């Protein structure tokens, strides 16, 4: 799906500008454009990116495939950027990344993404916002507004992710949960998500620094301070993610240590049971194998005496183990 937001220099706004008029409007150069492409087809890639805007083939190729990390390329008359967003997966601790490709020119912003993004939809629906702000202030400021809303969403997501990590940390101390495979799966999923967050946020932080400091021709000088503000937020988020990585690693270590201690407790109980029955089996074995050669067992007190011996041995061993706090 392709949708076009058009703002003429006179202030005229058209939110669903016709695609067949885009090429002529771009050549006129007296308007700002925002072209949003949601899960575009190959034909739409060719028509818009190659035919209308004549972007570099390498940039078009990168936009058509998924890249693992954020990046920025300066093609003089426009910037090509790869920005990543993070969303919840099937679980609260499962975070997945989604790519947004951006072409930023002096009078246009092209955004390409495979899934719906709340930041884009929010700005797209708010037509009055673009009369004095947003697209009215230029594509670079509109791009900043998109990033600013993404950062706010990032912060809420990180706060919720931290709450889930603390919940997992509390769960492993509850008796009976250490052997729960689903709990271990959640912890390992959280570890993978923390690594994914770091892989996305660290290069994106560096990217914002380049936008704030480098003199790219398509970014006005007065706009760079806004990207510096985004960079400051990204620095804080990277610090939070690094702390979360340490928290996840500690949670995994604690889980494994508690599971190992629980296994040691089980083995200790089994060993105590075996230790108690060894002398009992020894006594029973002697009398059982030599029953025909032990006439004293014919005495009426013989069998009660054997039971007394069993009880004394077992009681003595239990008392000894309790004394040393083995049980």
Protein backbone atom coordinates (compact mmCIF):
# COMPACT_ATOMS: atom_id res chain seq x y z
CA UNK A 1 0.00 0.00 0.00
CA UNK A 2 1.30 3.44 -0.97
CA UNK A 3 -0.09 6.69 0.41
CA UNK A 4 1.15 10.22 -0.22
CA UNK A 5 0.86 13.32 1.95
CA UNK A 6 1.26 16.52 -0.08
CA UNK A 7 1.79 20.05 1.21
CA UNK A 8 2.13 22.88 -1.27
CA UNK A 9 4.22 25.95 -0.48
CA UNK A 10 0.97 27.92 -0.32
CA UNK A 11 -0.21 25.75 2.56
CA UNK A 12 -2.57 23.46 0.65
CA UNK A 13 -2.73 19.99 2.18
CA UNK A 14 -3.73 16.79 0.40
CA UNK A 15 -3.48 13.67 2.54
CA UNK A 16 -4.17 11.12 -0.20
CA UNK A 17 -2.35 12.63 -3.14
CA UNK A 18 -2.79 10.64 -6.41
CA UNK A 19 0.19 8.47 -7.23
CA UNK A 20 -0.01 9.19 -10.97
CA UNK A 21 0.54 12.92 -10.27
CA UNK A 22 3.53 12.40 -7.99
CA UNK A 23 6.23 12.50 -10.68
CA UNK A 24 5.03 15.86 -12.03
CA UNK A 25 4.68 17.33 -8.56
CA UNK A 26 8.20 16.24 -7.61
CA UNK A 27 9.64 17.94 -10.71
CA UNK A 28 7.88 21.22 -9.86
CA UNK A 29 9.76 21.40 -6.55
CA UNK A 30 7.35 23.78 -4.80
CA UNK A 31 5.86 21.30 -2.34
CA UNK A 32 6.85 18.89 0.41
CA UNK A 33 5.94 15.21 0.19
CA UNK A 34 5.64 12.32 2.57
CA UNK A 35 5.39 8.98 0.76
CA UNK A 36 4.57 6.07 3.06
CA UNK A 37 4.93 2.54 1.65
CA UNK A 38 3.49 -0.30 3.74
CA UNK A 39 4.68 -3.73 2.59
CA UNK A 40 5.17 -2.50 -1.00
CA UNK A 41 5.22 -4.75 -4.04
CA UNK A 42 8.15 -5.06 -6.43
CA UNK A 43 6.29 -2.94 -8.98
CA UNK A 44 5.80 -0.17 -6.40
CA UNK A 45 9.51 -0.30 -5.53
CA UNK A 46 10.37 0.14 -9.20
CA UNK A 47 7.86 2.89 -9.95
CA UNK A 48 8.44 5.08 -6.91
CA UNK A 49 12.06 4.51 -5.89
CA UNK A 50 13.62 4.09 -9.32
CA UNK A 51 11.36 5.84 -11.81
CA UNK A 52 9.98 8.82 -9.86
CA UNK A 53 12.77 9.59 -7.37
CA UNK A 54 15.69 7.93 -9.24
CA UNK A 55 17.37 6.68 -6.07
CA UNK A 56 20.73 4.94 -6.28
CA UNK A 57 20.44 1.22 -7.15
CA UNK A 58 22.39 0.23 -4.03
CA UNK A 59 19.98 2.17 -1.83
CA UNK A 60 17.00 0.61 -3.58
CA UNK A 61 18.52 -2.83 -3.14
CA UNK A 62 19.07 -2.24 0.58
CA UNK A 63 15.50 -0.99 0.95
CA UNK A 64 14.13 -4.13 -0.68
CA UNK A 65 15.84 -6.50 1.75
CA UNK A 66 16.05 -6.67 5.52
CA UNK A 67 19.22 -5.43 7.20
CA UNK A 68 20.26 -6.61 10.64
CA UNK A 69 21.48 -3.27 11.99
CA UNK A 70 20.59 0.43 11.54
CA UNK A 71 22.69 2.34 9.02
CA UNK A 72 22.96 5.67 7.20
CA UNK A 73 24.27 6.47 3.71
CA UNK A 74 24.67 9.99 2.37
CA UNK A 75 23.95 10.29 -1.36
CA UNK A 76 24.34 14.10 -1.34
CA UNK A 77 20.83 15.04 -2.50
CA UNK A 78 19.23 12.60 -0.06
CA UNK A 79 19.98 10.34 2.91
CA UNK A 80 19.17 6.66 3.06
CA UNK A 81 18.61 5.39 6.59
CA UNK A 82 17.64 2.07 8.13
CA UNK A 83 15.82 2.45 11.45
CA UNK A 84 14.64 -0.41 13.65
CA UNK A 85 11.63 -0.53 15.93
CA UNK A 86 10.92 -3.16 18.57
CA UNK A 87 7.59 -4.87 19.20
CA UNK A 88 6.23 -7.52 21.52
CA UNK A 89 6.21 -11.06 20.22
CA UNK A 90 4.15 -13.94 21.57
CA UNK A 91 5.24 -13.29 25.18
CA UNK A 92 5.80 -10.14 27.29
CA UNK A 93 9.52 -11.00 27.41
CA UNK A 94 9.71 -11.76 23.68
CA UNK A 95 10.80 -8.66 21.74
CA UNK A 96 11.15 -8.66 17.96
CA UNK A 97 12.62 -5.95 15.76
CA UNK A 98 11.06 -4.47 12.65
CA UNK A 99 12.85 -2.41 10.01
CA UNK A 100 11.86 0.95 8.59
CA UNK A 101 13.76 2.25 5.56
CA UNK A 102 13.87 6.00 5.07
CA UNK A 103 14.80 8.23 2.14
CA UNK A 104 15.16 11.81 3.36
CA UNK A 105 15.50 14.59 0.80
CA UNK A 106 15.25 18.35 0.94
CA UNK A 107 11.51 18.32 0.15
CA UNK A 108 10.42 14.71 0.60
CA UNK A 109 10.37 11.88 3.11
CA UNK A 110 9.86 8.30 1.97
CA UNK A 111 9.18 5.68 4.66
CA UNK A 112 9.10 1.96 3.86
CA UNK A 113 8.04 -0.68 6.40
CA UNK A 114 6.54 -4.18 6.41
CA UNK A 115 4.22 -3.77 9.39
CA UNK A 116 1.96 -1.01 10.63
CA UNK A 117 3.64 1.54 12.90
CA UNK A 118 1.68 3.55 15.45
CA UNK A 119 4.00 6.57 15.17
CA UNK A 120 3.42 6.82 11.43
CA UNK A 121 -0.33 6.31 11.68
CA UNK A 122 -0.59 8.93 14.43
CA UNK A 123 1.14 11.60 12.38
CA UNK A 124 -0.62 10.60 9.17
CA UNK A 125 -4.10 10.98 10.62
CA UNK A 126 -3.35 14.34 12.28
CA UNK A 127 -3.79 16.59 9.25
CA UNK A 128 -3.91 19.81 11.28
CA UNK A 129 -0.45 19.02 12.68
CA UNK A 130 1.08 19.50 9.22
CA UNK A 131 -0.37 22.99 8.72
CA UNK A 132 2.18 24.67 11.01
CA UNK A 133 4.42 21.78 12.09
CA UNK A 134 5.51 18.44 10.72
CA UNK A 135 5.61 18.59 6.94
CA UNK A 136 5.18 22.39 7.08
CA UNK A 137 8.60 22.64 8.75
CA UNK A 138 10.23 20.32 6.25
CA UNK A 139 10.82 16.57 5.86
CA UNK A 140 13.73 16.62 8.32
CA UNK A 141 11.48 17.89 11.14
CA UNK A 142 8.82 15.37 10.17
CA UNK A 143 11.44 12.63 10.40
CA UNK A 144 12.38 13.92 13.85
CA UNK A 145 8.73 13.78 14.95
CA UNK A 146 8.57 10.14 13.86
CA UNK A 147 11.74 9.30 15.78
CA UNK A 148 10.56 11.19 18.84
CA UNK A 149 7.36 9.13 19.01
CA UNK A 150 9.33 5.94 18.49
CA UNK A 151 11.63 6.86 21.36
CA UNK A 152 8.64 7.42 23.65
CA UNK A 153 7.31 4.01 22.69
CA UNK A 154 10.77 2.50 23.26
CA UNK A 155 10.85 3.89 26.78
CA UNK A 156 7.44 2.43 27.65
CA UNK A 157 8.49 -0.91 26.21
CA UNK A 158 11.75 -0.94 28.18
CA UNK A 159 9.94 -0.11 31.41
CA UNK A 160 7.51 -2.99 30.87
CA UNK A 161 10.35 -5.33 29.91
CA UNK A 162 12.18 -4.46 33.13
CA UNK A 163 9.02 -5.23 35.13
CA UNK A 164 8.79 -8.65 33.46
CA UNK A 165 12.44 -9.37 34.26
CA UNK A 166 11.84 -8.58 37.93
CA UNK A 167 8.76 -10.82 37.88
CA UNK A 168 10.83 -13.71 36.51
CA UNK A 169 13.44 -13.09 39.19
CA UNK A 170 10.76 -13.37 41.88
CA UNK A 171 9.27 -16.52 40.37
CA UNK A 172 12.47 -18.55 40.52
CA UNK A 173 12.58 -18.18 44.31
CA UNK A 174 9.15 -19.71 44.70
CA UNK A 175 9.43 -23.33 45.67
CA UNK A 176 8.46 -25.68 42.87
CA UNK A 177 9.20 -23.25 40.04
CA UNK A 178 12.86 -24.15 39.64
CA UNK A 179 12.00 -27.28 37.70
CA UNK A 180 9.40 -25.48 35.56
CA UNK A 181 10.57 -25.69 31.94
CA UNK A 182 8.28 -22.85 30.86
CA UNK A 183 9.98 -20.54 33.37
CA UNK A 184 13.40 -21.45 31.99
CA UNK A 185 12.07 -20.83 28.47
CA UNK A 186 10.86 -17.35 29.51
CA UNK A 187 14.24 -16.52 31.06
CA UNK A 188 16.15 -17.60 27.95
CA UNK A 189 13.68 -15.69 25.76
CA UNK A 190 14.30 -12.58 27.88
CA UNK A 191 18.04 -13.05 27.44
CA UNK A 192 17.64 -13.25 23.67
CA UNK A 193 15.40 -10.17 23.68
CA UNK A 194 17.93 -8.16 25.70
CA UNK A 195 20.64 -9.04 23.19
CA UNK A 196 18.32 -8.04 20.33
CA UNK A 197 17.62 -4.70 21.99
CA UNK A 198 21.32 -3.97 22.35
CA UNK A 199 21.97 -4.93 18.73
CA UNK A 200 19.33 -2.43 17.60
CA UNK A 201 19.83 0.46 20.03
CA UNK A 202 23.62 0.78 20.06
CA UNK A 203 24.08 1.43 16.30
CA UNK A 204 20.91 3.54 16.28
CA UNK A 205 22.39 5.72 19.02
CA UNK A 206 25.51 6.24 16.90
CA UNK A 207 23.31 7.00 13.89
CA UNK A 208 21.53 9.80 15.80
CA UNK A 209 24.91 11.24 16.77
CA UNK A 210 25.87 11.44 13.10
CA UNK A 211 22.62 13.21 12.25
CA UNK A 212 23.24 15.70 15.06
CA UNK A 213 26.90 16.44 14.31
CA UNK A 214 27.51 15.86 10.59
CA UNK A 215 26.58 18.60 8.14
CA UNK A 216 24.30 16.65 5.83
CA UNK A 217 22.95 18.93 3.14
CA UNK A 218 19.35 17.76 3.51
CA UNK A 219 19.22 18.49 7.25
CA UNK A 220 18.99 22.21 8.10
CA UNK A 221 21.38 23.45 10.77
CA UNK A 222 18.59 24.38 13.14
CA UNK A 223 17.18 20.85 12.99
CA UNK A 224 20.33 19.10 14.20
CA UNK A 225 19.71 20.08 17.81
CA UNK A 226 16.51 18.00 17.71
CA UNK A 227 18.41 14.92 16.59
CA UNK A 228 20.91 15.63 19.40
CA UNK A 229 17.97 15.37 21.80
CA UNK A 230 17.03 11.99 20.27
CA UNK A 231 20.64 10.91 20.73
CA UNK A 232 20.53 11.81 24.42
CA UNK A 233 17.45 9.64 24.88
CA UNK A 234 19.12 6.80 23.00
CA UNK A 235 22.18 7.01 25.24
CA UNK A 236 19.93 6.61 28.28
CA UNK A 237 18.11 3.66 26.70
CA UNK A 238 21.36 1.91 25.82
CA UNK A 239 22.41 2.25 29.46
CA UNK A 240 19.11 0.71 30.55
CA UNK A 241 19.49 -2.17 28.11
CA UNK A 242 23.04 -2.89 29.29
CA UNK A 243 21.74 -3.01 32.86
CA UNK A 244 18.96 -5.35 31.75
CA UNK A 245 21.49 -7.64 30.09
CA UNK A 246 23.33 -7.93 33.39
CA UNK A 247 20.03 -8.56 35.17
CA UNK A 248 19.10 -11.32 32.73
CA UNK A 249 22.51 -12.96 33.06
CA UNK A 250 22.21 -12.84 36.85
CA UNK A 251 18.70 -14.30 36.66
CA UNK A 252 19.94 -17.20 34.51
CA UNK A 253 22.84 -17.86 36.90
CA UNK A 254 20.52 -17.78 39.92
CA UNK A 255 18.06 -20.13 38.23
CA UNK A 256 20.79 -22.64 37.39
CA UNK A 257 22.27 -22.37 40.90
CA UNK A 258 18.87 -22.95 42.53
CA UNK A 259 18.15 -25.86 40.20
CA UNK A 260 21.53 -27.37 41.09
CA UNK A 261 20.87 -26.88 44.82
CA UNK A 262 17.45 -28.47 44.45
CA UNK A 263 19.02 -31.46 42.71
CA UNK A 264 21.60 -31.72 45.51
CA UNK A 265 18.76 -31.73 48.06
CA UNK A 266 17.04 -34.54 46.21
CA UNK A 267 20.25 -36.55 45.96
CA UNK A 268 20.91 -36.01 49.67
CA UNK A 269 17.49 -37.36 50.60
CA UNK A 270 17.95 -40.37 48.35
CA UNK A 271 21.42 -40.98 49.79
CA UNK A 272 20.07 -40.82 53.35
CA UNK A 273 17.35 -43.32 52.49
CA UNK A 274 19.93 -45.63 50.93
CA UNK A 275 22.25 -45.25 53.95
CA UNK A 276 19.45 -46.20 56.32
CA UNK A 277 18.50 -49.29 54.36
CA UNK A 278 22.06 -50.57 53.84
CA UNK A 279 22.51 -51.93 57.41
CA UNK A 280 18.91 -53.14 57.45
CA UNK A 281 19.49 -55.02 54.19
CA UNK A 282 22.75 -56.38 55.64
CA UNK A 283 21.05 -57.79 58.74
CA UNK A 284 18.12 -59.14 56.72
CA UNK A 285 20.52 -60.67 54.22
CA UNK A 286 22.47 -62.52 56.88
CA UNK A 287 19.39 -64.00 58.49
CA UNK A 288 17.70 -64.67 55.19
CA UNK A 289 20.59 -66.57 53.64
CA UNK A 290 21.37 -68.59 56.76
CA UNK A 291 17.84 -69.20 58.03
CA UNK A 292 18.22 -73.00 57.97
CA UNK A 293 21.40 -72.89 60.07
CA UNK A 294 20.15 -70.54 62.83
CA UNK A 295 18.00 -72.51 65.28
CA UNK A 296 17.86 -69.50 67.64
CA UNK A 297 15.25 -68.02 65.36
CA UNK A 298 12.87 -70.66 66.70
CA UNK A 299 12.79 -68.76 70.00
CA UNK A 300 9.49 -66.82 70.41
CA UNK A 301 11.40 -63.55 70.98
CA UNK A 302 13.52 -63.90 67.85
CA UNK A 303 11.36 -62.06 65.35
CA UNK A 304 10.41 -59.17 67.69
CA UNK A 305 14.13 -58.83 68.49
CA UNK A 306 14.96 -58.53 64.79
CA UNK A 307 12.40 -55.77 64.40
CA UNK A 308 13.79 -53.98 67.45
CA UNK A 309 17.28 -54.15 65.88
CA UNK A 310 15.91 -52.68 62.64
CA UNK A 311 14.16 -49.83 64.48
CA UNK A 312 17.23 -49.06 66.62
CA UNK A 313 19.52 -48.93 63.58
CA UNK A 314 17.17 -46.74 61.59
CA UNK A 315 16.48 -44.45 64.57
CA UNK A 316 20.16 -44.09 65.35
CA UNK A 317 20.99 -43.13 61.78
CA UNK A 318 18.10 -40.65 61.59
CA UNK A 319 19.18 -39.04 64.86
CA UNK A 320 22.77 -38.78 63.62
CA UNK A 321 21.69 -37.16 60.32
CA UNK A 322 19.40 -34.72 62.15
CA UNK A 323 22.17 -33.82 64.60
CA UNK A 324 24.40 -32.74 61.73
CA UNK A 325 21.42 -31.07 60.01
CA UNK A 326 21.62 -33.26 56.95
CA UNK A 327 17.85 -33.59 57.08
